[in-house]
Amino acid sequence: MIRSELLQAMATDNPELRAEEVEQVVDIFFDQIAARLAEGGRVELRGFGAFSTREREARTGRNPRSGEAVSVPSKRVPYFKPGKEIRERLNK
């Protein structure tokens, strides 16, 4: 599912909301998740899962074109851990 399909599904399920309002709700939802993760926090949605970040250590990588060694700095990456209910739905 892409963002436009999500917006369409939400608009169909909530006919009392204008398309702009549905889009605003989705924007706020994702902006709040991103902001919390940027602070180093965690976002838990019961029954769905939890978003957090993990630290990746600095390492030496390779340029695929030249084969030359390249230094890759440490960084934080997003991580998603699915909740119990969603795992059960996936494995029916």
PDB file of N, CA and C in Angstrom:
ATOM      1  N   MET A   1       0.850  -1.178   0.000  1.00  0.00           N
ATOM      2  CA  MET A   1       0.000   0.000   0.000  1.00  0.00           C
ATOM      3  C   MET A   1       0.892   1.237   0.000  1.00  0.00           C
ATOM      4  N   ILE A   2       0.540   2.179  -0.838  1.00  0.00           N
ATOM      5  CA  ILE A   2       1.266   3.443  -0.870  1.00  0.00           C
ATOM      6  C   ILE A   2       0.432   4.520  -0.180  1.00  0.00           C
ATOM      7  N   ARG A   3       1.039   5.674   0.033  1.00  0.00           N
ATOM      8  CA  ARG A   3       0.395   6.743   0.806  1.00  0.00           C
ATOM      9  C   ARG A   3      -0.963   7.133   0.228  1.00  0.00           C
ATOM     10  N   SER A   4      -1.054   7.276  -1.092  1.00  0.00           N
ATOM     11  CA  SER A   4      -2.321   7.686  -1.709  1.00  0.00           C
ATOM     12  C   SER A   4      -3.411   6.638  -1.488  1.00  0.00           C
ATOM     13  N   GLU A   5      -3.043   5.353  -1.477  1.00  0.00           N
ATOM     14  CA  GLU A   5      -4.025   4.300  -1.200  1.00  0.00           C
ATOM     15  C   GLU A   5      -4.489   4.356   0.249  1.00  0.00           C
ATOM     16  N   LEU A   6      -3.575   4.658   1.162  1.00  0.00           N
ATOM     17  CA  LEU A   6      -3.940   4.820   2.565  1.00  0.00           C
ATOM     18  C   LEU A   6      -4.915   5.984   2.730  1.00  0.00           C
ATOM     19  N   LEU A   7      -4.612   7.106   2.095  1.00  0.00           N
ATOM     20  CA  LEU A   7      -5.502   8.267   2.170  1.00  0.00           C
ATOM     21  C   LEU A   7      -6.886   7.938   1.621  1.00  0.00           C
ATOM     22  N   GLN A   8      -6.935   7.227   0.513  1.00  0.00           N
ATOM     23  CA  GLN A   8      -8.219   6.853  -0.093  1.00  0.00           C
ATOM     24  C   GLN A   8      -9.006   5.929   0.827  1.00  0.00           C
ATOM     25  N   ALA A   9      -8.347   4.951   1.426  1.00  0.00           N
ATOM     26  CA  ALA A   9      -9.024   4.021   2.337  1.00  0.00           C
ATOM     27  C   ALA A   9      -9.567   4.755   3.559  1.00  0.00           C
ATOM     28  N   MET A  10      -8.789   5.684   4.095  1.00  0.00           N
ATOM     29  CA  MET A  10      -9.250   6.443   5.257  1.00  0.00           C
ATOM     30  C   MET A  10     -10.407   7.362   4.889  1.00  0.00           C
ATOM     31  N   ALA A  11     -10.364   7.966   3.719  1.00  0.00           N
ATOM     32  CA  ALA A  11     -11.452   8.842   3.272  1.00  0.00           C
ATOM     33  C   ALA A  11     -12.730   8.040   3.063  1.00  0.00           C
ATOM     34  N   THR A  12     -12.620   6.824   2.551  1.00  0.00           N
ATOM     35  CA  THR A  12     -13.779   5.959   2.345  1.00  0.00           C
ATOM     36  C   THR A  12     -14.395   5.549   3.678  1.00  0.00           C
ATOM     37  N   ASP A  13     -13.546   5.235   4.656  1.00  0.00           N
ATOM     38  CA  ASP A  13     -14.025   4.823   5.981  1.00  0.00           C
ATOM     39  C   ASP A  13     -14.548   5.987   6.815  1.00  0.00           C
ATOM     40  N   ASN A  14     -14.199   7.213   6.439  1.00  0.00           N
ATOM     41  CA  ASN A  14     -14.604   8.407   7.200  1.00  0.00           C
ATOM     42  C   ASN A  14     -15.195   9.449   6.260  1.00  0.00           C
ATOM     43  N   PRO A  15     -16.393   9.197   5.713  1.00  0.00           N
ATOM     44  CA  PRO A  15     -16.972  10.119   4.726  1.00  0.00           C
ATOM     45  C   PRO A  15     -17.292  11.506   5.293  1.00  0.00           C
ATOM     46  N   GLU A  16     -17.348  11.619   6.623  1.00  0.00           N
ATOM     47  CA  GLU A  16     -17.644  12.916   7.230  1.00  0.00           C
ATOM     48  C   GLU A  16     -16.447  13.870   7.182  1.00  0.00           C
ATOM     49  N   LEU A  17     -15.267  13.344   6.849  1.00  0.00           N
ATOM     50  CA  LEU A  17     -14.059  14.169   6.757  1.00  0.00           C
ATOM     51  C   LEU A  17     -13.760  14.513   5.306  1.00  0.00           C
ATOM     52  N   ARG A  18     -13.313  15.752   5.081  1.00  0.00           N
ATOM     53  CA  ARG A  18     -12.885  16.156   3.742  1.00  0.00           C
ATOM     54  C   ARG A  18     -11.523  15.514   3.456  1.00  0.00           C
ATOM     55  N   ALA A  19     -11.169  15.411   2.192  1.00  0.00           N
ATOM     56  CA  ALA A  19      -9.898  14.796   1.785  1.00  0.00           C
ATOM     57  C   ALA A  19      -8.708  15.525   2.420  1.00  0.00           C
ATOM     58  N   GLU A  20      -8.804  16.854   2.535  1.00  0.00           N
ATOM     59  CA  GLU A  20      -7.728  17.635   3.133  1.00  0.00           C
ATOM     60  C   GLU A  20      -7.562  17.297   4.610  1.00  0.00           C
ATOM     61  N   GLU A  21      -8.670  17.040   5.293  1.00  0.00           N
ATOM     62  CA  GLU A  21      -8.608  16.689   6.712  1.00  0.00           C
ATOM     63  C   GLU A  21      -7.985  15.314   6.910  1.00  0.00           C
ATOM     64  N   VAL A  22      -8.335  14.375   6.046  1.00  0.00           N
ATOM     65  CA  VAL A  22      -7.756  13.034   6.124  1.00  0.00           C
ATOM     66  C   VAL A  22      -6.248  13.115   5.891  1.00  0.00           C
ATOM     67  N   GLU A  23      -5.845  13.892   4.901  1.00  0.00           N
ATOM     68  CA  GLU A  23      -4.426  14.038   4.607  1.00  0.00           C
ATOM     69  C   GLU A  23      -3.693  14.694   5.773  1.00  0.00           C
ATOM     70  N   GLN A  24      -4.330  15.663   6.426  1.00  0.00           N
ATOM     71  CA  GLN A  24      -3.723  16.329   7.569  1.00  0.00           C
ATOM     72  C   GLN A  24      -3.532  15.349   8.733  1.00  0.00           C
ATOM     73  N   VAL A  25      -4.507  14.483   8.969  1.00  0.00           N
ATOM     74  CA  VAL A  25      -4.407  13.484  10.036  1.00  0.00           C
ATOM     75  C   VAL A  25      -3.229  12.543   9.766  1.00  0.00           C
ATOM     76  N   VAL A  26      -3.113  12.067   8.540  1.00  0.00           N
ATOM     77  CA  VAL A  26      -2.019  11.154   8.181  1.00  0.00           C
ATOM     78  C   VAL A  26      -0.673  11.859   8.318  1.00  0.00           C
ATOM     79  N   ASP A  27      -0.592  13.111   7.861  1.00  0.00           N
ATOM     80  CA  ASP A  27       0.654  13.867   7.978  1.00  0.00           C
ATOM     81  C   ASP A  27       1.064  14.033   9.440  1.00  0.00           C
ATOM     82  N   ILE A  28       0.117  14.406  10.294  1.00  0.00           N
ATOM     83  CA  ILE A  28       0.413  14.586  11.715  1.00  0.00           C
ATOM     84  C   ILE A  28       0.875  13.277  12.330  1.00  0.00           C
ATOM     85  N   PHE A  29       0.201  12.172  12.003  1.00  0.00           N
ATOM     86  CA  PHE A  29       0.540  10.857  12.537  1.00  0.00           C
ATOM     87  C   PHE A  29       1.994  10.499  12.221  1.00  0.00           C
ATOM     88  N   PHE A  30       2.370  10.598  10.951  1.00  0.00           N
ATOM     89  CA  PHE A  30       3.724  10.228  10.558  1.00  0.00           C
ATOM     90  C   PHE A  30       4.762  11.237  11.050  1.00  0.00           C
ATOM     91  N   ASP A  31       4.406  12.522  11.077  1.00  0.00           N
ATOM     92  CA  ASP A  31       5.335  13.532  11.587  1.00  0.00           C
ATOM     93  C   ASP A  31       5.639  13.299  13.067  1.00  0.00           C
ATOM     94  N   GLN A  32       4.632  12.921  13.838  1.00  0.00           N
ATOM     95  CA  GLN A  32       4.841  12.680  15.265  1.00  0.00           C
ATOM     96  C   GLN A  32       5.722  11.451  15.496  1.00  0.00           C
ATOM     97  N   ILE A  33       5.520  10.407  14.715  1.00  0.00           N
ATOM     98  CA  ILE A  33       6.374   9.217  14.832  1.00  0.00           C
ATOM     99  C   ILE A  33       7.819   9.592  14.494  1.00  0.00           C
ATOM    100  N   ALA A  34       8.019  10.298  13.387  1.00  0.00           N
ATOM    101  CA  ALA A  34       9.370  10.681  12.966  1.00  0.00           C
ATOM    102  C   ALA A  34      10.036  11.590  13.998  1.00  0.00           C
ATOM    103  N   ALA A  35       9.279  12.534  14.548  1.00  0.00           N
ATOM    104  CA  ALA A  35       9.842  13.455  15.542  1.00  0.00           C
ATOM    105  C   ALA A  35      10.275  12.703  16.797  1.00  0.00           C
ATOM    106  N   ARG A  36       9.460  11.780  17.242  1.00  0.00           N
ATOM    107  CA  ARG A  36       9.793  11.004  18.453  1.00  0.00           C
ATOM    108  C   ARG A  36      11.036  10.150  18.220  1.00  0.00           C
ATOM    109  N   LEU A  37      11.137   9.523  17.050  1.00  0.00           N
ATOM    110  CA  LEU A  37      12.315   8.714  16.735  1.00  0.00           C
ATOM    111  C   LEU A  37      13.560   9.586  16.619  1.00  0.00           C
ATOM    112  N   ALA A  38      13.428  10.788  16.067  1.00  0.00           N
ATOM    113  CA  ALA A  38      14.565  11.698  15.935  1.00  0.00           C
ATOM    114  C   ALA A  38      15.092  12.107  17.303  1.00  0.00           C
ATOM    115  N   GLU A  39      14.217  12.152  18.310  1.00  0.00           N
ATOM    116  CA  GLU A  39      14.626  12.474  19.684  1.00  0.00           C
ATOM    117  C   GLU A  39      15.298  11.288  20.363  1.00  0.00           C
ATOM    118  N   GLY A  40      15.272  10.135  19.715  1.00  0.00           N
ATOM    119  CA  GLY A  40      15.827   8.929  20.319  1.00  0.00           C
ATOM    120  C   GLY A  40      14.784   8.138  21.088  1.00  0.00           C
ATOM    121  N   GLY A  41      13.523   8.521  20.943  1.00  0.00           N
ATOM    122  CA  GLY A  41      12.444   7.853  21.665  1.00  0.00           C
ATOM    123  C   GLY A  41      11.914   6.621  20.959  1.00  0.00           C
ATOM    124  N   ARG A  42      10.808   6.145  21.475  1.00  0.00           N
ATOM    125  CA  ARG A  42      10.178   4.921  20.979  1.00  0.00           C
ATOM    126  C   ARG A  42       8.687   5.203  20.818  1.00  0.00           C
ATOM    127  N   VAL A  43       8.058   4.608  19.799  1.00  0.00           N
ATOM    128  CA  VAL A  43       6.626   4.760  19.570  1.00  0.00           C
ATOM    129  C   VAL A  43       6.015   3.373  19.571  1.00  0.00           C
ATOM    130  N   GLU A  44       5.103   3.133  20.504  1.00  0.00           N
ATOM    131  CA  GLU A  44       4.460   1.824  20.611  1.00  0.00           C
ATOM    132  C   GLU A  44       2.986   1.953  20.292  1.00  0.00           C
ATOM    133  N   LEU A  45       2.522   1.158  19.323  1.00  0.00           N
ATOM    134  CA  LEU A  45       1.119   1.114  18.943  1.00  0.00           C
ATOM    135  C   LEU A  45       0.606  -0.275  19.316  1.00  0.00           C
ATOM    136  N   ARG A  46      -0.126  -0.353  20.409  1.00  0.00           N
ATOM    137  CA  ARG A  46      -0.594  -1.642  20.929  1.00  0.00           C
ATOM    138  C   ARG A  46      -1.317  -2.436  19.848  1.00  0.00           C
ATOM    139  N   GLY A  47      -0.979  -3.701  19.742  1.00  0.00           N
ATOM    140  CA  GLY A  47      -1.590  -4.583  18.761  1.00  0.00           C
ATOM    141  C   GLY A  47      -0.954  -4.500  17.387  1.00  0.00           C
ATOM    142  N   PHE A  48      -0.168  -3.456  17.148  1.00  0.00           N
ATOM    143  CA  PHE A  48       0.471  -3.301  15.844  1.00  0.00           C
ATOM    144  C   PHE A  48       1.970  -3.524  15.934  1.00  0.00           C
ATOM    145  N   GLY A  49       2.647  -2.752  16.794  1.00  0.00           N
ATOM    146  CA  GLY A  49       4.079  -2.919  16.940  1.00  0.00           C
ATOM    147  C   GLY A  49       4.731  -1.696  17.536  1.00  0.00           C
ATOM    148  N   ALA A  50       6.043  -1.711  17.542  1.00  0.00           N
ATOM    149  CA  ALA A  50       6.808  -0.621  18.143  1.00  0.00           C
ATOM    150  C   ALA A  50       7.904  -0.162  17.184  1.00  0.00           C
ATOM    151  N   PHE A  51       8.034   1.159  17.067  1.00  0.00           N
ATOM    152  CA  PHE A  51       9.090   1.769  16.284  1.00  0.00           C
ATOM    153  C   PHE A  51      10.154   2.281  17.240  1.00  0.00           C
ATOM    154  N   SER A  52      11.405   2.056  16.897  1.00  0.00           N
ATOM    155  CA  SER A  52      12.510   2.566  17.687  1.00  0.00           C
ATOM    156  C   SER A  52      13.692   2.763  16.746  1.00  0.00           C
ATOM    157  N   THR A  53      14.833   3.159  17.311  1.00  0.00           N
ATOM    158  CA  THR A  53      16.032   3.292  16.492  1.00  0.00           C
ATOM    159  C   THR A  53      17.127   2.403  17.072  1.00  0.00           C
ATOM    160  N   ARG A  54      18.023   2.010  16.221  1.00  0.00           N
ATOM    161  CA  ARG A  54      19.187   1.221  16.632  1.00  0.00           C
ATOM    162  C   ARG A  54      20.433   1.900  16.104  1.00  0.00           C
ATOM    163  N   GLU A  55      21.498   1.745  16.853  1.00  0.00           N
ATOM    164  CA  GLU A  55      22.772   2.347  16.481  1.00  0.00           C
ATOM    165  C   GLU A  55      23.569   1.369  15.627  1.00  0.00           C
ATOM    166  N   ARG A  56      24.088   1.846  14.506  1.00  0.00           N
ATOM    167  CA  ARG A  56      24.989   1.046  13.679  1.00  0.00           C
ATOM    168  C   ARG A  56      26.394   1.604  13.858  1.00  0.00           C
ATOM    169  N   GLU A  57      27.319   0.721  14.121  1.00  0.00           N
ATOM    170  CA  GLU A  57      28.714   1.120  14.337  1.00  0.00           C
ATOM    171  C   GLU A  57      29.350   1.572  13.023  1.00  0.00           C
ATOM    172  N   ALA A  58      30.400   2.371  13.138  1.00  0.00           N
ATOM    173  CA  ALA A  58      31.186   2.760  11.974  1.00  0.00           C
ATOM    174  C   ALA A  58      31.866   1.510  11.419  1.00  0.00           C
ATOM    175  N   ARG A  59      32.050   1.489  10.111  1.00  0.00           N
ATOM    176  CA  ARG A  59      32.667   0.312   9.499  1.00  0.00           C
ATOM    177  C   ARG A  59      33.358   0.722   8.208  1.00  0.00           C
ATOM    178  N   THR A  60      34.084  -0.215   7.655  1.00  0.00           N
ATOM    179  CA  THR A  60      34.709  -0.007   6.360  1.00  0.00           C
ATOM    180  C   THR A  60      33.906  -0.762   5.326  1.00  0.00           C
ATOM    181  N   GLY A  61      33.401  -0.037   4.330  1.00  0.00           N
ATOM    182  CA  GLY A  61      32.625  -0.654   3.258  1.00  0.00           C
ATOM    183  C   GLY A  61      33.430  -0.650   1.976  1.00  0.00           C
ATOM    184  N   ARG A  62      32.811  -1.060   0.906  1.00  0.00           N
ATOM    185  CA  ARG A  62      33.469  -1.097  -0.402  1.00  0.00           C
ATOM    186  C   ARG A  62      32.609  -0.368  -1.421  1.00  0.00           C
ATOM    187  N   ASN A  63      33.271   0.417  -2.255  1.00  0.00           N
ATOM    188  CA  ASN A  63      32.604   1.059  -3.378  1.00  0.00           C
ATOM    189  C   ASN A  63      32.339  -0.037  -4.407  1.00  0.00           C
ATOM    190  N   PRO A  64      31.060  -0.317  -4.747  1.00  0.00           N
ATOM    191  CA  PRO A  64      30.773  -1.424  -5.658  1.00  0.00           C
ATOM    192  C   PRO A  64      31.318  -1.211  -7.075  1.00  0.00           C
ATOM    193  N   ARG A  65      31.500   0.018  -7.449  1.00  0.00           N
ATOM    194  CA  ARG A  65      31.981   0.296  -8.801  1.00  0.00           C
ATOM    195  C   ARG A  65      33.489   0.085  -8.922  1.00  0.00           C
ATOM    196  N   SER A  66      34.248   0.589  -7.940  1.00  0.00           N
ATOM    197  CA  SER A  66      35.713   0.527  -8.036  1.00  0.00           C
ATOM    198  C   SER A  66      36.338  -0.525  -7.120  1.00  0.00           C
ATOM    199  N   GLY A  67      35.577  -0.994  -6.123  1.00  0.00           N
ATOM    200  CA  GLY A  67      36.122  -1.955  -5.185  1.00  0.00           C
ATOM    201  C   GLY A  67      36.968  -1.301  -4.100  1.00  0.00           C
ATOM    202  N   GLU A  68      37.065   0.019  -4.148  1.00  0.00           N
ATOM    203  CA  GLU A  68      37.870   0.777  -3.198  1.00  0.00           C
ATOM    204  C   GLU A  68      37.218   0.775  -1.812  1.00  0.00           C
ATOM    205  N   ALA A  69      38.043   0.699  -0.758  1.00  0.00           N
ATOM    206  CA  ALA A  69      37.545   0.730   0.617  1.00  0.00           C
ATOM    207  C   ALA A  69      37.042   2.135   0.940  1.00  0.00           C
ATOM    208  N   VAL A  70      35.862   2.193   1.603  1.00  0.00           N
ATOM    209  CA  VAL A  70      35.244   3.469   1.949  1.00  0.00           C
ATOM    210  C   VAL A  70      34.857   3.424   3.421  1.00  0.00           C
ATOM    211  N   SER A  71      35.111   4.517   4.133  1.00  0.00           N
ATOM    212  CA  SER A  71      34.737   4.604   5.538  1.00  0.00           C
ATOM    213  C   SER A  71      33.248   4.957   5.636  1.00  0.00           C
ATOM    214  N   VAL A  72      32.477   4.147   6.369  1.00  0.00           N
ATOM    215  CA  VAL A  72      31.055   4.394   6.581  1.00  0.00           C
ATOM    216  C   VAL A  72      30.886   4.797   8.046  1.00  0.00           C
ATOM    217  N   PRO A  73      30.395   6.021   8.307  1.00  0.00           N
ATOM    218  CA  PRO A  73      30.280   6.494   9.696  1.00  0.00           C
ATOM    219  C   PRO A  73      29.175   5.766  10.465  1.00  0.00           C
ATOM    220  N   SER A  74      29.218   5.854  11.795  1.00  0.00           N
ATOM    221  CA  SER A  74      28.154   5.274  12.603  1.00  0.00           C
ATOM    222  C   SER A  74      26.883   6.093  12.379  1.00  0.00           C
ATOM    223  N   LYS A  75      25.732   5.442  12.561  1.00  0.00           N
ATOM    224  CA  LYS A  75      24.466   6.140  12.360  1.00  0.00           C
ATOM    225  C   LYS A  75      23.341   5.407  13.080  1.00  0.00           C
ATOM    226  N   ARG A  76      22.237   6.114  13.271  1.00  0.00           N
ATOM    227  CA  ARG A  76      21.031   5.509  13.836  1.00  0.00           C
ATOM    228  C   ARG A  76      20.107   5.147  12.686  1.00  0.00           C
ATOM    229  N   VAL A  77      19.479   3.980  12.784  1.00  0.00           N
ATOM    230  CA  VAL A  77      18.549   3.534  11.754  1.00  0.00           C
ATOM    231  C   VAL A  77      17.219   3.166  12.410  1.00  0.00           C
ATOM    232  N   PRO A  78      16.099   3.367  11.692  1.00  0.00           N
ATOM    233  CA  PRO A  78      14.806   3.001  12.266  1.00  0.00           C
ATOM    234  C   PRO A  78      14.655   1.484  12.340  1.00  0.00           C
ATOM    235  N   TYR A  79      13.909   1.040  13.342  1.00  0.00           N
ATOM    236  CA  TYR A  79      13.667  -0.383  13.557  1.00  0.00           C
ATOM    237  C   TYR A  79      12.203  -0.563  13.931  1.00  0.00           C
ATOM    238  N   PHE A  80      11.566  -1.593  13.386  1.00  0.00           N
ATOM    239  CA  PHE A  80      10.172  -1.894  13.695  1.00  0.00           C
ATOM    240  C   PHE A  80      10.074  -3.305  14.239  1.00  0.00           C
ATOM    241  N   LYS A  81       9.417  -3.445  15.375  1.00  0.00           N
ATOM    242  CA  LYS A  81       9.178  -4.761  15.949  1.00  0.00           C
ATOM    243  C   LYS A  81       7.662  -4.984  15.948  1.00  0.00           C
ATOM    244  N   PRO A  82       7.178  -5.942  15.168  1.00  0.00           N
ATOM    245  CA  PRO A  82       5.733  -6.166  15.108  1.00  0.00           C
ATOM    246  C   PRO A  82       5.186  -6.684  16.432  1.00  0.00           C
ATOM    247  N   GLY A  83       3.944  -6.308  16.732  1.00  0.00           N
ATOM    248  CA  GLY A  83       3.281  -6.768  17.939  1.00  0.00           C
ATOM    249  C   GLY A  83       2.739  -8.174  17.779  1.00  0.00           C
ATOM    250  N   LYS A  84       2.314  -8.755  18.874  1.00  0.00           N
ATOM    251  CA  LYS A  84       1.826 -10.132  18.886  1.00  0.00           C
ATOM    252  C   LYS A  84       0.618 -10.312  17.969  1.00  0.00           C
ATOM    253  N   GLU A  85      -0.335  -9.372  18.029  1.00  0.00           N
ATOM    254  CA  GLU A  85      -1.547  -9.507  17.220  1.00  0.00           C
ATOM    255  C   GLU A  85      -1.255  -9.490  15.730  1.00  0.00           C
ATOM    256  N   ILE A  86      -0.358  -8.627  15.293  1.00  0.00           N
ATOM    257  CA  ILE A  86      -0.051  -8.567  13.863  1.00  0.00           C
ATOM    258  C   ILE A  86       0.723  -9.801  13.415  1.00  0.00           C
ATOM    259  N   ARG A  87       1.612 -10.324  14.264  1.00  0.00           N
ATOM    260  CA  ARG A  87       2.331 -11.563  13.929  1.00  0.00           C
ATOM    261  C   ARG A  87       1.341 -12.715  13.766  1.00  0.00           C
ATOM    262  N   GLU A  88       0.347 -12.778  14.656  1.00  0.00           N
ATOM    263  CA  GLU A  88      -0.654 -13.852  14.557  1.00  0.00           C
ATOM    264  C   GLU A  88      -1.477 -13.718  13.285  1.00  0.00           C
ATOM    265  N   ARG A  89      -1.833 -12.493  12.889  1.00  0.00           N
ATOM    266  CA  ARG A  89      -2.603 -12.291  11.652  1.00  0.00           C
ATOM    267  C   ARG A  89      -1.806 -12.694  10.428  1.00  0.00           C
ATOM    268  N   LEU A  90      -0.502 -12.470  10.477  1.00  0.00           N
ATOM    269  CA  LEU A  90       0.351 -12.821   9.339  1.00  0.00           C
ATOM    270  C   LEU A  90       0.527 -14.328   9.209  1.00  0.00           C
ATOM    271  N   ASN A  91       0.412 -15.045  10.299  1.00  0.00           N
ATOM    272  CA  ASN A  91       0.671 -16.479  10.299  1.00  0.00           C
ATOM    273  C   ASN A  91      -0.571 -17.328  10.490  1.00  0.00           C
ATOM    274  N   LYS A  92      -1.710 -16.851  10.013  1.00  0.00           N
ATOM    275  CA  LYS A  92      -2.952 -17.620  10.108  1.00  0.00           C
ATOM    276  C   LYS A  92      -2.916 -18.832   9.223  1.00  0.00           C
TER     277      LYS A  92
END
